[in-house]
C-alpha atoms as a PDB file:
ATOM      1  CA  MET A   1      78.568-101.731 -37.191  1.00  0.00           C
ATOM      2  CA  ARG A   2      75.838 -99.946 -39.156  1.00  0.00           C
ATOM      3  CA  LEU A   3      75.254 -96.393 -37.928  1.00  0.00           C
ATOM      4  CA  THR A   4      71.769 -95.004 -37.495  1.00  0.00           C
ATOM      5  CA  LEU A   5      70.737 -92.046 -39.661  1.00  0.00           C
ATOM      6  CA  THR A   6      71.031 -89.686 -36.684  1.00  0.00           C
ATOM      7  CA  ALA A   7      74.511 -90.970 -35.877  1.00  0.00           C
ATOM      8  CA  ARG A   8      75.626 -90.557 -39.488  1.00  0.00           C
ATOM      9  CA  LEU A   9      74.388 -86.978 -39.609  1.00  0.00           C
ATOM     10  CA  LEU A  10      76.141 -86.146 -36.355  1.00  0.00           C
ATOM     11  CA  LEU A  11      79.356 -87.659 -37.668  1.00  0.00           C
ATOM     12  CA  ILE A  12      79.067 -85.610 -40.862  1.00  0.00           C
ATOM     13  CA  LEU A  13      78.540 -82.433 -38.824  1.00  0.00           C
ATOM     14  CA  ILE A  14      81.671 -83.167 -36.807  1.00  0.00           C
ATOM     15  CA  LEU A  15      83.888 -84.048 -39.764  1.00  0.00           C
ATOM     16  CA  ILE A  16      82.847 -81.450 -42.326  1.00  0.00           C
ATOM     17  CA  PRO A  17      84.241 -77.956 -41.770  1.00  0.00           C
ATOM     18  CA  GLN A  18      81.953 -74.956 -41.761  1.00  0.00           C
ATOM     19  CA  TRP A  19      82.877 -73.885 -45.292  1.00  0.00           C
ATOM     20  CA  GLY A  20      81.064 -76.949 -46.582  1.00  0.00           C
ATOM     21  CA  PHE A  21      77.764 -75.129 -46.218  1.00  0.00           C
ATOM     22  CA  SER A  22      76.360 -72.723 -48.778  1.00  0.00           C
ATOM     23  CA  TRP A  23      76.224 -69.152 -47.372  1.00  0.00           C
ATOM     24  CA  GLY A  24      78.306 -70.592 -44.523  1.00  0.00           C
ATOM     25  CA  TYR A  25      76.821 -72.355 -41.519  1.00  0.00           C
ATOM     26  CA  THR A  26      76.377 -69.210 -39.446  1.00  0.00           C
ATOM     27  CA  ALA A  27      74.867 -67.175 -42.275  1.00  0.00           C
ATOM     28  CA  HIS A  28      72.237 -69.841 -43.004  1.00  0.00           C
ATOM     29  CA  ARG A  29      71.237 -69.772 -39.354  1.00  0.00           C
ATOM     30  CA  ILE A  30      70.956 -65.980 -39.400  1.00  0.00           C
ATOM     31  CA  ILE A  31      68.894 -65.929 -42.611  1.00  0.00           C
ATOM     32  CA  ASN A  32      66.286 -68.307 -41.182  1.00  0.00           C
ATOM     33  CA  ARG A  33      66.254 -66.432 -37.862  1.00  0.00           C
ATOM     34  CA  GLN A  34      65.710 -63.081 -39.577  1.00  0.00           C
ATOM     35  CA  ALA A  35      62.971 -64.621 -41.719  1.00  0.00           C
ATOM     36  CA  VAL A  36      61.047 -65.515 -38.555  1.00  0.00           C
ATOM     37  CA  HIS A  37      61.218 -61.882 -37.412  1.00  0.00           C
ATOM     38  CA  LEU A  38      59.625 -60.766 -40.684  1.00  0.00           C
ATOM     39  CA  LEU A  39      56.483 -62.802 -40.058  1.00  0.00           C
ATOM     40  CA  ASP A  40      53.367 -61.496 -38.393  1.00  0.00           C
ATOM     41  CA  SER A  41      50.070 -63.309 -37.673  1.00  0.00           C
ATOM     42  CA  LEU A  42      49.673 -66.529 -35.719  1.00  0.00           C
ATOM     43  CA  LEU A  43      52.331 -68.215 -37.841  1.00  0.00           C
ATOM     44  CA  GLY A  44      54.843 -65.588 -36.793  1.00  0.00           C
ATOM     45  CA  GLU A  45      54.001 -66.124 -33.147  1.00  0.00           C
ATOM     46  CA  TYR A  46      54.372 -69.888 -33.450  1.00  0.00           C
ATOM     47  CA  PHE A  47      57.637 -69.728 -35.378  1.00  0.00           C
ATOM     48  CA  SER A  48      58.977 -67.193 -32.870  1.00  0.00           C
ATOM     49  CA  HIS A  49      58.469 -69.768 -30.116  1.00  0.00           C
ATOM     50  CA  HIS A  50      60.538 -72.216 -32.178  1.00  0.00           C
ATOM     51  CA  ILE A  51      63.051 -69.763 -33.615  1.00  0.00           C
ATOM     52  CA  ASN A  52      66.057 -71.614 -32.217  1.00  0.00           C
ATOM     53  CA  TYR A  53      64.947 -74.815 -33.928  1.00  0.00           C
ATOM     54  CA  LEU A  54      64.334 -73.045 -37.241  1.00  0.00           C
ATOM     55  CA  SER A  55      67.776 -71.458 -36.991  1.00  0.00           C
ATOM     56  CA  GLU A  56      69.834 -74.398 -35.746  1.00  0.00           C
ATOM     57  CA  HIS A  57      68.403 -76.812 -38.315  1.00  0.00           C
ATOM     58  CA  ALA A  58      69.048 -74.435 -41.207  1.00  0.00           C
ATOM     59  CA  ILE A  59      72.033 -76.546 -42.272  1.00  0.00           C
ATOM     60  CA  ASP A  60      70.214 -79.900 -42.243  1.00  0.00           C
ATOM     61  CA  PRO A  61      69.854 -80.089 -46.044  1.00  0.00           C
ATOM     62  CA  ASP A  62      73.621 -79.742 -46.388  1.00  0.00           C
ATOM     63  CA  LEU A  63      74.052 -82.682 -44.017  1.00  0.00           C
ATOM     64  CA  TRP A  64      71.540 -84.667 -46.055  1.00  0.00           C
ATOM     65  CA  ARG A  65      73.450 -83.779 -49.220  1.00  0.00           C
ATOM     66  CA  ARG A  66      76.622 -85.293 -47.818  1.00  0.00           C
ATOM     67  CA  ASP A  67      74.946 -88.470 -46.586  1.00  0.00           C
ATOM     68  CA  LYS A  68      74.616 -90.066 -50.014  1.00  0.00           C
ATOM     69  CA  GLU A  69      73.556 -93.396 -48.540  1.00  0.00           C
ATOM     70  CA  ALA A  70      70.380 -92.008 -46.977  1.00  0.00           C
ATOM     71  CA  TYR A  71      69.792 -89.094 -49.392  1.00  0.00           C
ATOM     72  CA  PRO A  72      71.137 -90.130 -52.813  1.00  0.00           C
ATOM     73  CA  ASP A  73      69.138 -87.488 -54.736  1.00  0.00           C
ATOM     74  CA  GLU A  74      69.658 -84.513 -52.421  1.00  0.00           C
ATOM     75  CA  ALA A  75      72.571 -82.677 -54.047  1.00  0.00           C
ATOM     76  CA  PRO A  76      70.863 -81.372 -57.236  1.00  0.00           C
ATOM     77  CA  GLY A  77      68.212 -79.601 -55.156  1.00  0.00           C
ATOM     78  CA  HIS A  78      70.701 -77.013 -53.887  1.00  0.00           C
ATOM     79  CA  PHE A  79      71.510 -75.343 -57.215  1.00  0.00           C
ATOM     80  CA  ILE A  80      70.564 -74.871 -60.836  1.00  0.00           C
ATOM     81  CA  ASP A  81      73.177 -74.249 -63.504  1.00  0.00           C
ATOM     82  CA  ALA A  82      70.592 -72.263 -65.389  1.00  0.00           C
ATOM     83  CA  ASP A  83      72.932 -71.283 -68.218  1.00  0.00           C
ATOM     84  CA  LEU A  84      73.277 -74.957 -69.148  1.00  0.00           C
ATOM     85  CA  TYR A  85      69.524 -75.096 -69.660  1.00  0.00           C
ATOM     86  CA  GLU A  86      69.021 -71.902 -71.665  1.00  0.00           C
ATOM     87  CA  ALA A  87      70.464 -68.430 -72.177  1.00  0.00           C
ATOM     88  CA  TYR A  88      69.813 -65.718 -69.591  1.00  0.00           C
ATOM     89  CA  PRO A  89      67.166 -64.681 -68.504  1.00  0.00           C
ATOM     90  CA  PHE A  90      66.019 -68.333 -68.716  1.00  0.00           C
ATOM     91  CA  ARG A  91      62.432 -67.616 -69.763  1.00  0.00           C
ATOM     92  CA  ASN A  92      62.318 -70.667 -72.063  1.00  0.00           C
ATOM     93  CA  ILE A  93      62.987 -73.216 -69.326  1.00  0.00           C
ATOM     94  CA  PRO A  94      59.699 -75.079 -68.733  1.00  0.00           C
ATOM     95  CA  ARG A  95      58.348 -74.553 -65.236  1.00  0.00           C
ATOM     96  CA  LYS A  96      56.484 -77.857 -64.941  1.00  0.00           C
ATOM     97  CA  TRP A  97      58.605 -80.821 -63.903  1.00  0.00           C
ATOM     98  CA  GLU A  98      57.197 -83.202 -66.503  1.00  0.00           C
ATOM     99  CA  GLU A  99      57.875 -80.700 -69.281  1.00  0.00           C
ATOM    100  CA  VAL A 100      61.413 -79.870 -68.202  1.00  0.00           C
ATOM    101  CA  VAL A 101      62.241 -83.595 -67.982  1.00  0.00           C
ATOM    102  CA  ARG A 102      60.785 -84.135 -71.441  1.00  0.00           C
ATOM    103  CA  LYS A 103      62.823 -81.261 -72.888  1.00  0.00           C
ATOM    104  CA  TYR A 104      66.241 -81.922 -71.321  1.00  0.00           C
ATOM    105  CA  GLY A 105      66.165 -85.451 -69.903  1.00  0.00           C
ATOM    106  CA  GLU A 106      66.284 -86.380 -66.239  1.00  0.00           C
ATOM    107  CA  GLU A 107      69.982 -87.322 -66.355  1.00  0.00           C
ATOM    108  CA  ASN A 108      70.868 -83.780 -67.431  1.00  0.00           C
ATOM    109  CA  LEU A 109      68.641 -82.300 -64.742  1.00  0.00           C
ATOM    110  CA  MET A 110      70.401 -84.318 -62.042  1.00  0.00           C
ATOM    111  CA  SER A 111      73.711 -82.895 -63.289  1.00  0.00           C
ATOM    112  CA  TRP A 112      72.575 -79.313 -63.951  1.00  0.00           C
ATOM    113  CA  GLY A 113      70.588 -78.885 -60.731  1.00  0.00           C
ATOM    114  CA  THR A 114      66.910 -78.873 -59.824  1.00  0.00           C
ATOM    115  CA  ALA A 115      66.553 -76.236 -57.088  1.00  0.00           C
ATOM    116  CA  PRO A 116      63.270 -74.642 -58.310  1.00  0.00           C
ATOM    117  CA  TRP A 117      61.490 -77.994 -58.252  1.00  0.00           C
ATOM    118  CA  ARG A 118      63.043 -78.965 -54.925  1.00  0.00           C
ATOM    119  CA  ILE A 119      61.588 -75.737 -53.573  1.00  0.00           C
ATOM    120  CA  GLU A 120      58.209 -76.623 -55.075  1.00  0.00           C
ATOM    121  CA  LYS A 121      58.306 -80.090 -53.486  1.00  0.00           C
ATOM    122  CA  PHE A 122      59.009 -78.750 -50.005  1.00  0.00           C
ATOM    123  CA  TYR A 123      56.559 -75.864 -50.409  1.00  0.00           C
ATOM    124  CA  ASN A 124      53.761 -78.313 -51.269  1.00  0.00           C
ATOM    125  CA  LYS A 125      54.836 -80.605 -48.433  1.00  0.00           C
ATOM    126  CA  LEU A 126      54.662 -77.676 -46.011  1.00  0.00           C
ATOM    127  CA  VAL A 127      51.175 -76.729 -47.232  1.00  0.00           C
ATOM    128  CA  GLN A 128      49.981 -80.289 -46.630  1.00  0.00           C
ATOM    129  CA  GLU A 129      51.533 -80.498 -43.170  1.00  0.00           C
ATOM    130  CA  PHE A 130      49.925 -77.195 -42.169  1.00  0.00           C
ATOM    131  CA  LYS A 131      46.548 -78.446 -43.426  1.00  0.00           C
ATOM    132  CA  GLU A 132      46.825 -81.697 -41.505  1.00  0.00           C
ATOM    133  CA  GLY A 133      48.041 -80.048 -38.306  1.00  0.00           C
ATOM    134  CA  ARG A 134      51.408 -81.823 -38.377  1.00  0.00           C
ATOM    135  CA  TRP A 135      53.230 -78.871 -36.868  1.00  0.00           C
ATOM    136  CA  THR A 136      56.299 -80.707 -35.621  1.00  0.00           C
ATOM    137  CA  GLU A 137      56.976 -82.041 -39.108  1.00  0.00           C
ATOM    138  CA  ALA A 138      56.156 -78.638 -40.589  1.00  0.00           C
ATOM    139  CA  ARG A 139      58.934 -77.007 -38.574  1.00  0.00           C
ATOM    140  CA  LEU A 140      61.595 -79.182 -40.209  1.00  0.00           C
ATOM    141  CA  THR A 141      60.030 -78.839 -43.649  1.00  0.00           C
ATOM    142  CA  ALA A 142      59.928 -75.050 -43.291  1.00  0.00           C
ATOM    143  CA  THR A 143      63.544 -75.002 -42.161  1.00  0.00           C
ATOM    144  CA  ALA A 144      64.654 -77.057 -45.164  1.00  0.00           C
ATOM    145  CA  LEU A 145      62.549 -74.977 -47.540  1.00  0.00           C
ATOM    146  CA  GLY A 146      64.301 -71.896 -46.201  1.00  0.00           C
ATOM    147  CA  HIS A 147      67.665 -73.469 -46.963  1.00  0.00           C
ATOM    148  CA  TYR A 148      66.839 -74.204 -50.607  1.00  0.00           C
ATOM    149  CA  VAL A 149      65.362 -70.740 -51.131  1.00  0.00           C
ATOM    150  CA  SER A 150      68.461 -69.142 -49.591  1.00  0.00           C
ATOM    151  CA  ASP A 151      70.806 -71.205 -51.754  1.00  0.00           C
ATOM    152  CA  ILE A 152      69.575 -69.781 -55.044  1.00  0.00           C
ATOM    153  CA  HIS A 153      70.140 -66.233 -53.791  1.00  0.00           C
ATOM    154  CA  VAL A 154      73.874 -67.015 -54.095  1.00  0.00           C
ATOM    155  CA  PRO A 155      75.067 -66.297 -57.666  1.00  0.00           C
ATOM    156  CA  PHE A 156      77.318 -69.358 -57.654  1.00  0.00           C
ATOM    157  CA  HIS A 157      74.278 -71.595 -57.180  1.00  0.00           C
ATOM    158  CA  THR A 158      72.771 -70.453 -60.492  1.00  0.00           C
ATOM    159  CA  VAL A 159      75.647 -70.876 -62.967  1.00  0.00           C
ATOM    160  CA  GLU A 160      77.845 -73.512 -64.576  1.00  0.00           C
ATOM    161  CA  ASN A 161      80.927 -71.539 -63.495  1.00  0.00           C
ATOM    162  CA  TYR A 162      79.996 -72.235 -59.883  1.00  0.00           C
ATOM    163  CA  ASN A 163      83.534 -72.019 -58.512  1.00  0.00           C
ATOM    164  CA  GLY A 164      85.213 -69.723 -61.022  1.00  0.00           C
ATOM    165  CA  GLN A 165      86.779 -72.848 -62.517  1.00  0.00           C
ATOM    166  CA  LEU A 166      86.035 -71.733 -66.082  1.00  0.00           C
ATOM    167  CA  THR A 167      87.547 -68.246 -65.824  1.00  0.00           C
ATOM    168  CA  GLY A 168      90.743 -68.597 -63.810  1.00  0.00           C
ATOM    169  CA  ASN A 169      88.974 -67.837 -60.501  1.00  0.00           C
ATOM    170  CA  LYS A 170      88.935 -71.335 -59.039  1.00  0.00           C
ATOM    171  CA  GLY A 171      88.128 -71.307 -55.340  1.00  0.00           C
ATOM    172  CA  VAL A 172      86.114 -68.086 -55.268  1.00  0.00           C
ATOM    173  CA  HIS A 173      82.857 -69.791 -54.282  1.00  0.00           C
ATOM    174  CA  LYS A 174      83.791 -70.586 -50.706  1.00  0.00           C
ATOM    175  CA  ARG A 175      85.938 -67.491 -50.277  1.00  0.00           C
ATOM    176  CA  TRP A 176      83.042 -65.193 -51.161  1.00  0.00           C
ATOM    177  CA  GLU A 177      79.958 -66.811 -49.649  1.00  0.00           C
ATOM    178  CA  ALA A 178      81.613 -68.108 -46.485  1.00  0.00           C
ATOM    179  CA  ASP A 179      85.001 -66.523 -45.720  1.00  0.00           C
ATOM    180  CA  MET A 180      84.064 -62.965 -46.712  1.00  0.00           C
ATOM    181  CA  VAL A 181      80.533 -63.082 -45.336  1.00  0.00           C
ATOM    182  CA  GLU A 182      81.604 -64.556 -42.013  1.00  0.00           C
ATOM    183  CA  GLU A 183      84.501 -62.147 -41.539  1.00  0.00           C
ATOM    184  CA  TYR A 184      82.677 -58.932 -42.411  1.00  0.00           C
ATOM    185  CA  LEU A 185      78.935 -59.290 -42.949  1.00  0.00           C
ATOM    186  CA  LEU A 186      77.186 -61.466 -40.386  1.00  0.00           C
ATOM    187  CA  ASP A 187      75.734 -58.386 -38.655  1.00  0.00           C
ATOM    188  CA  ALA A 188      75.282 -56.303 -41.804  1.00  0.00           C
ATOM    189  CA  ALA A 189      72.015 -57.582 -43.276  1.00  0.00           C
ATOM    190  CA  ARG A 190      68.831 -55.827 -42.118  1.00  0.00           C
ATOM    191  CA  PRO A 191      65.980 -57.369 -44.088  1.00  0.00           C
ATOM    192  CA  ARG A 192      62.690 -55.500 -44.224  1.00  0.00           C
ATOM    193  CA  GLY A 193      59.188 -56.595 -45.206  1.00  0.00           C
ATOM    194  CA  PRO A 194      56.475 -56.846 -46.113  1.00  0.00           C
ATOM    195  CA  VAL A 195      56.485 -60.488 -47.117  1.00  0.00           C
ATOM    196  CA  GLU A 196      55.201 -61.329 -50.583  1.00  0.00           C
ATOM    197  CA  MET A 197      52.532 -63.860 -51.464  1.00  0.00           C
ATOM    198  CA  VAL A 198      54.052 -66.648 -53.545  1.00  0.00           C
ATOM    199  CA  THR A 199      51.404 -67.909 -55.950  1.00  0.00           C
ATOM    200  CA  ASP A 200      53.708 -70.171 -57.974  1.00  0.00           C
ATOM    201  CA  PRO A 201      56.738 -71.538 -56.083  1.00  0.00           C
ATOM    202  CA  VAL A 202      58.639 -72.558 -59.219  1.00  0.00           C
ATOM    203  CA  GLU A 203      58.059 -69.282 -61.045  1.00  0.00           C
ATOM    204  CA  LYS A 204      59.133 -67.337 -57.955  1.00  0.00           C
ATOM    205  CA  ALA A 205      62.270 -69.457 -57.751  1.00  0.00           C
ATOM    206  CA  PHE A 206      63.140 -68.511 -61.312  1.00  0.00           C
ATOM    207  CA  VAL A 207      62.624 -64.838 -60.477  1.00  0.00           C
ATOM    208  CA  ILE A 208      65.261 -65.307 -57.765  1.00  0.00           C
ATOM    209  CA  VAL A 209      67.595 -67.142 -60.158  1.00  0.00           C
ATOM    210  CA  GLU A 210      67.219 -64.346 -62.702  1.00  0.00           C
ATOM    211  CA  GLU A 211      68.172 -61.829 -59.993  1.00  0.00           C
ATOM    212  CA  SER A 212      71.129 -63.840 -58.718  1.00  0.00           C
ATOM    213  CA  PHE A 213      72.774 -64.792 -62.003  1.00  0.00           C
ATOM    214  CA  PRO A 214      74.149 -61.328 -62.977  1.00  0.00           C
ATOM    215  CA  GLY A 215      75.940 -61.103 -59.633  1.00  0.00           C
ATOM    216  CA  LEU A 216      78.591 -63.530 -60.828  1.00  0.00           C
ATOM    217  CA  ASP A 217      80.491 -61.090 -63.072  1.00  0.00           C
ATOM    218  CA  PRO A 218      81.222 -58.410 -60.429  1.00  0.00           C
ATOM    219  CA  ILE A 219      82.356 -61.105 -58.003  1.00  0.00           C
ATOM    220  CA  LEU A 220      84.717 -62.612 -60.565  1.00  0.00           C
ATOM    221  CA  LYS A 221      86.122 -59.194 -61.436  1.00  0.00           C
ATOM    222  CA  ALA A 222      86.750 -58.470 -57.755  1.00  0.00           C
ATOM    223  CA  GLU A 223      88.316 -61.898 -57.277  1.00  0.00           C
ATOM    224  CA  THR A 224      90.647 -61.361 -60.234  1.00  0.00           C
ATOM    225  CA  ARG A 225      91.922 -58.180 -58.575  1.00  0.00           C
ATOM    226  CA  ALA A 226      92.103 -59.825 -55.149  1.00  0.00           C
ATOM    227  CA  ARG A 227      94.057 -62.734 -56.611  1.00  0.00           C
ATOM    228  CA  GLN A 228      96.856 -60.357 -57.610  1.00  0.00           C
ATOM    229  CA  THR A 229      97.646 -59.822 -53.910  1.00  0.00           C
ATOM    230  CA  ILE A 230      98.866 -63.419 -53.674  1.00  0.00           C
ATOM    231  CA  PRO A 231     102.162 -64.460 -55.316  1.00  0.00           C
ATOM    232  CA  PRO A 232     101.546 -66.785 -58.283  1.00  0.00           C
ATOM    233  CA  GLU A 233     103.374 -69.654 -56.621  1.00  0.00           C
ATOM    234  CA  SER A 234     101.053 -69.403 -53.593  1.00  0.00           C
ATOM    235  CA  ARG A 235      97.675 -69.057 -55.351  1.00  0.00           C
ATOM    236  CA  ASP A 236      96.856 -72.718 -54.863  1.00  0.00           C
ATOM    237  CA  ILE A 237      95.737 -71.679 -51.375  1.00  0.00           C
ATOM    238  CA  ILE A 238      92.575 -70.142 -52.856  1.00  0.00           C
ATOM    239  CA  PRO A 239      90.865 -73.401 -53.937  1.00  0.00           C
ATOM    240  CA  ASP A 240      92.274 -75.292 -50.953  1.00  0.00           C
ATOM    241  CA  TRP A 241      89.227 -75.045 -48.706  1.00  0.00           C
ATOM    242  CA  ASP A 242      91.075 -76.590 -45.771  1.00  0.00           C
ATOM    243  CA  ARG A 243      93.277 -73.504 -45.535  1.00  0.00           C
ATOM    244  CA  PRO A 244      91.783 -70.350 -43.975  1.00  0.00           C
ATOM    245  CA  MET A 245      92.073 -66.939 -45.628  1.00  0.00           C
ATOM    246  CA  GLN A 246      90.315 -64.696 -43.109  1.00  0.00           C
ATOM    247  CA  GLY A 247      92.268 -61.540 -42.385  1.00  0.00           C
ATOM    248  CA  THR A 248      93.996 -61.479 -45.771  1.00  0.00           C
ATOM    249  CA  GLU A 249      94.117 -58.655 -48.287  1.00  0.00           C
ATOM    250  CA  TYR A 250      92.405 -61.042 -50.693  1.00  0.00           C
ATOM    251  CA  ILE A 251      89.269 -61.276 -48.534  1.00  0.00           C
ATOM    252  CA  ARG A 252      89.353 -57.532 -47.811  1.00  0.00           C
ATOM    253  CA  ILE A 253      89.246 -56.703 -51.520  1.00  0.00           C
ATOM    254  CA  LEU A 254      86.332 -59.062 -52.081  1.00  0.00           C
ATOM    255  CA  TYR A 255      84.537 -57.299 -49.247  1.00  0.00           C
ATOM    256  CA  GLU A 256      85.286 -53.771 -50.414  1.00  0.00           C
ATOM    257  CA  GLU A 257      84.111 -54.446 -53.954  1.00  0.00           C
ATOM    258  CA  THR A 258      81.143 -56.781 -53.435  1.00  0.00           C
ATOM    259  CA  ALA A 259      79.822 -56.205 -49.905  1.00  0.00           C
ATOM    260  CA  ASP A 260      76.691 -54.412 -51.125  1.00  0.00           C
ATOM    261  CA  LEU A 261      75.867 -57.307 -53.421  1.00  0.00           C
ATOM    262  CA  ALA A 262      76.303 -59.862 -50.639  1.00  0.00           C
ATOM    263  CA  ILE A 263      74.198 -57.857 -48.186  1.00  0.00           C
ATOM    264  CA  SER A 264      71.397 -57.412 -50.715  1.00  0.00           C
ATOM    265  CA  ARG A 265      71.336 -61.147 -51.481  1.00  0.00           C
ATOM    266  CA  MET A 266      71.272 -62.033 -47.773  1.00  0.00           C
ATOM    267  CA  GLU A 267      68.464 -59.577 -47.088  1.00  0.00           C
ATOM    268  CA  ALA A 268      66.500 -60.867 -50.057  1.00  0.00           C
ATOM    269  CA  SER A 269      67.066 -64.427 -48.798  1.00  0.00           C
ATOM    270  CA  SER A 270      65.371 -63.740 -45.468  1.00  0.00           C
ATOM    271  CA  LEU A 271      62.462 -61.894 -47.088  1.00  0.00           C
ATOM    272  CA  ARG A 272      61.837 -64.660 -49.621  1.00  0.00           C
ATOM    273  CA  VAL A 273      62.106 -67.413 -47.007  1.00  0.00           C
ATOM    274  CA  ALA A 274      59.472 -65.639 -44.909  1.00  0.00           C
ATOM    275  CA  SER A 275      57.351 -65.166 -48.026  1.00  0.00           C
ATOM    276  CA  TYR A 276      57.385 -68.879 -48.907  1.00  0.00           C
ATOM    277  CA  TRP A 277      56.527 -69.815 -45.313  1.00  0.00           C
ATOM    278  CA  MET A 278      53.665 -67.355 -45.042  1.00  0.00           C
ATOM    279  CA  SER A 279      52.289 -68.253 -48.466  1.00  0.00           C
ATOM    280  CA  ALA A 280      52.259 -71.964 -47.631  1.00  0.00           C
ATOM    281  CA  TRP A 281      50.379 -71.254 -44.421  1.00  0.00           C
ATOM    282  CA  VAL A 282      47.820 -69.047 -46.189  1.00  0.00           C
ATOM    283  CA  LYS A 283      47.339 -71.643 -48.943  1.00  0.00           C
ATOM    284  CA  ALA A 284      46.706 -74.236 -46.234  1.00  0.00           C
ATOM    285  CA  GLY A 285      43.850 -72.058 -44.938  1.00  0.00           C
ATOM    286  CA  SER A 286      45.798 -70.233 -42.194  1.00  0.00           C
ATOM    287  CA  PRO A 287      45.211 -72.982 -39.614  1.00  0.00           C
ATOM    288  CA  PRO A 288      45.738 -72.000 -35.974  1.00  0.00           C
ATOM    289  CA  PRO A 289      48.985 -73.406 -34.539  1.00  0.00           C
ATOM    290  CA  PRO A 290      48.946 -75.508 -31.388  1.00  0.00           C
ATOM    291  CA  ASP A 291      49.259 -73.729 -28.059  1.00  0.00           C
END
């Protein structure tokens, strides 16, 4: 029996554990919810009325990513291994899609990640939906846009060494962005405005990538120290994402040494999500939402 798209997504949600989501399922929900609170104007009022939708659907792009039958090209939009493109701070990466394809080849882009251009696609889609008064569709587009913007605030989503696999830190990705955040930091972020006007969605995305990338080194250093709390013969637990590590000394050390970094990236996530939403609405002419 062939499952409908909705049925497949529900099945994926049931079968995939929470760690499968960047920032963790709960953190993504919180980031979108806090972004709504940063908005003012008529858009803020409208999104406030639909805040539960914008929060609950924050993980939809991760469900799309895992449904390869319906969304075969989704995965690259969640990250960019920027150091495979160019050396930090990545100023020589072309910002226009046609130029970046010409320089590196589309096959490489699909492997190295395309998050800035995924953000651009959904930003432009949101502008068009606002202009045309398609507010129901705009809610889902805004929610997905928020997810992609949040993803690149995570250092691991900007580097080739996305799971510490190149430096003897394999498994750190999930332990930091999900286990640590969900054990210690879900109530810690307090984002503040004002929102920024995004004039170029791709360029702004690269500003975020440039901010996020240096965060990898302090996380890896903390993880190397945390790893010493686990006997060598038991360290295979770290990359085994089916095995929980909450409450361990390992997670506590990650928290003690990198909590400020995680909080700052979460706060920046909410502010930038709100900024992309507001900018799309303004570019659309600030149309009045439906009653």
